[in-house]
Amino acid sequence: MAPPGGPWNVETLERTLLETFELGRLRAVDPQVLGEDAGLQRALPALYVSHNAAGEALSTDFTPEPRT
């Protein structure tokens, strides 16, 4: 790992991105869980990330890639 303020390398960048995706998954909430909360309904459109499980359109896939 690069020291603070030091140069980045591919391994450090990869670990940083994987951690970012993992933290995003941990913070994700299924919209159905939120119910009818008007405050959340106003705030969440800015936070939605599309996902098309059928693969019929472009969408975000947070499935982790197998590590080699």
C-alpha atoms as a PDB file:
ATOM      1  CA  MET A   1       0.000   0.000   0.000  1.00  0.00           C
ATOM      2  CA  ALA A   2       1.206   3.470  -0.844  1.00  0.00           C
ATOM      3  CA  PRO A   3       2.153   5.733   2.053  1.00  0.00           C
ATOM      4  CA  PRO A   4      -0.112   8.760   2.581  1.00  0.00           C
ATOM      5  CA  GLY A   5       0.775  11.318  -0.066  1.00  0.00           C
ATOM      6  CA  GLY A   6       2.877   8.747  -1.906  1.00  0.00           C
ATOM      7  CA  PRO A   7       2.422   7.493  -5.448  1.00  0.00           C
ATOM      8  CA  TRP A   8      -0.517   5.246  -6.330  1.00  0.00           C
ATOM      9  CA  ASN A   9      -0.014   1.832  -7.846  1.00  0.00           C
ATOM     10  CA  VAL A  10      -2.452  -0.567  -9.528  1.00  0.00           C
ATOM     11  CA  GLU A  11      -2.868  -2.717  -6.402  1.00  0.00           C
ATOM     12  CA  THR A  12      -3.705   0.289  -4.199  1.00  0.00           C
ATOM     13  CA  LEU A  13      -6.167   1.624  -6.755  1.00  0.00           C
ATOM     14  CA  GLU A  14      -7.860  -1.776  -7.087  1.00  0.00           C
ATOM     15  CA  ARG A  15      -8.205  -2.211  -3.310  1.00  0.00           C
ATOM     16  CA  THR A  16      -9.567   1.324  -2.955  1.00  0.00           C
ATOM     17  CA  LEU A  17     -12.206   0.753  -5.648  1.00  0.00           C
ATOM     18  CA  LEU A  18     -13.232  -2.648  -4.240  1.00  0.00           C
ATOM     19  CA  GLU A  19     -13.630  -1.136  -0.775  1.00  0.00           C
ATOM     20  CA  THR A  20     -15.678   1.735  -2.233  1.00  0.00           C
ATOM     21  CA  PHE A  21     -18.045  -0.716  -3.976  1.00  0.00           C
ATOM     22  CA  GLU A  22     -18.365  -2.825  -0.819  1.00  0.00           C
ATOM     23  CA  LEU A  23     -19.229   0.228   1.286  1.00  0.00           C
ATOM     24  CA  GLY A  24     -21.790   1.247  -1.334  1.00  0.00           C
ATOM     25  CA  ARG A  25     -23.438  -2.189  -1.123  1.00  0.00           C
ATOM     26  CA  LEU A  26     -23.560  -1.960   2.671  1.00  0.00           C
ATOM     27  CA  ARG A  27     -25.295   1.425   2.487  1.00  0.00           C
ATOM     28  CA  ALA A  28     -27.785   0.392  -0.194  1.00  0.00           C
ATOM     29  CA  VAL A  29     -31.457   0.131   0.746  1.00  0.00           C
ATOM     30  CA  ASP A  30     -34.188  -1.545  -1.267  1.00  0.00           C
ATOM     31  CA  PRO A  31     -36.843   1.120  -2.044  1.00  0.00           C
ATOM     32  CA  GLN A  32     -39.663  -1.209  -0.920  1.00  0.00           C
ATOM     33  CA  VAL A  33     -38.184  -1.258   2.584  1.00  0.00           C
ATOM     34  CA  LEU A  34     -38.633   2.507   2.887  1.00  0.00           C
ATOM     35  CA  GLY A  35     -42.412   2.355   2.609  1.00  0.00           C
ATOM     36  CA  GLU A  36     -44.333   5.581   2.138  1.00  0.00           C
ATOM     37  CA  ASP A  37     -41.920   8.020   3.831  1.00  0.00           C
ATOM     38  CA  ALA A  38     -42.385  11.256   1.834  1.00  0.00           C
ATOM     39  CA  GLY A  39     -39.044  12.704   2.988  1.00  0.00           C
ATOM     40  CA  LEU A  40     -37.114   9.711   1.732  1.00  0.00           C
ATOM     41  CA  GLN A  41     -39.089   9.611  -1.496  1.00  0.00           C
ATOM     42  CA  ARG A  42     -37.958  13.186  -2.227  1.00  0.00           C
ATOM     43  CA  ALA A  43     -34.313  12.502  -1.399  1.00  0.00           C
ATOM     44  CA  LEU A  44     -33.799   9.100  -2.960  1.00  0.00           C
ATOM     45  CA  PRO A  45     -34.159   9.840  -6.666  1.00  0.00           C
ATOM     46  CA  ALA A  46     -30.677  11.375  -6.482  1.00  0.00           C
ATOM     47  CA  LEU A  47     -29.371   8.156  -4.962  1.00  0.00           C
ATOM     48  CA  TYR A  48     -30.953   5.530  -7.235  1.00  0.00           C
ATOM     49  CA  VAL A  49     -28.680   3.322  -9.297  1.00  0.00           C
ATOM     50  CA  SER A  50     -30.327   1.371 -12.082  1.00  0.00           C
ATOM     51  CA  HIS A  51     -30.205  -2.409 -12.171  1.00  0.00           C
ATOM     52  CA  ASN A  52     -31.789  -4.569 -14.847  1.00  0.00           C
ATOM     53  CA  ALA A  53     -31.615  -8.175 -13.657  1.00  0.00           C
ATOM     54  CA  ALA A  54     -32.964  -9.438 -16.987  1.00  0.00           C
ATOM     55  CA  GLY A  55     -30.010  -7.889 -18.835  1.00  0.00           C
ATOM     56  CA  GLU A  56     -32.308  -6.109 -21.306  1.00  0.00           C
ATOM     57  CA  ALA A  57     -30.740  -2.668 -20.868  1.00  0.00           C
ATOM     58  CA  LEU A  58     -27.631  -0.997 -19.490  1.00  0.00           C
ATOM     59  CA  SER A  59     -27.476  -1.094 -15.719  1.00  0.00           C
ATOM     60  CA  THR A  60     -25.065  -1.077 -12.817  1.00  0.00           C
ATOM     61  CA  ASP A  61     -23.799  -4.454 -11.629  1.00  0.00           C
ATOM     62  CA  PHE A  62     -22.191  -4.464  -8.185  1.00  0.00           C
ATOM     63  CA  THR A  63     -21.388  -8.185  -8.312  1.00  0.00           C
ATOM     64  CA  PRO A  64     -17.756  -8.538  -7.254  1.00  0.00           C
ATOM     65  CA  GLU A  65     -15.383  -9.887  -9.853  1.00  0.00           C
ATOM     66  CA  PRO A  66     -13.577 -13.097  -8.878  1.00  0.00           C
ATOM     67  CA  ARG A  67     -10.132 -12.317  -7.565  1.00  0.00           C
ATOM     68  CA  THR A  68      -7.224 -13.963  -9.298  1.00  0.00           C
END
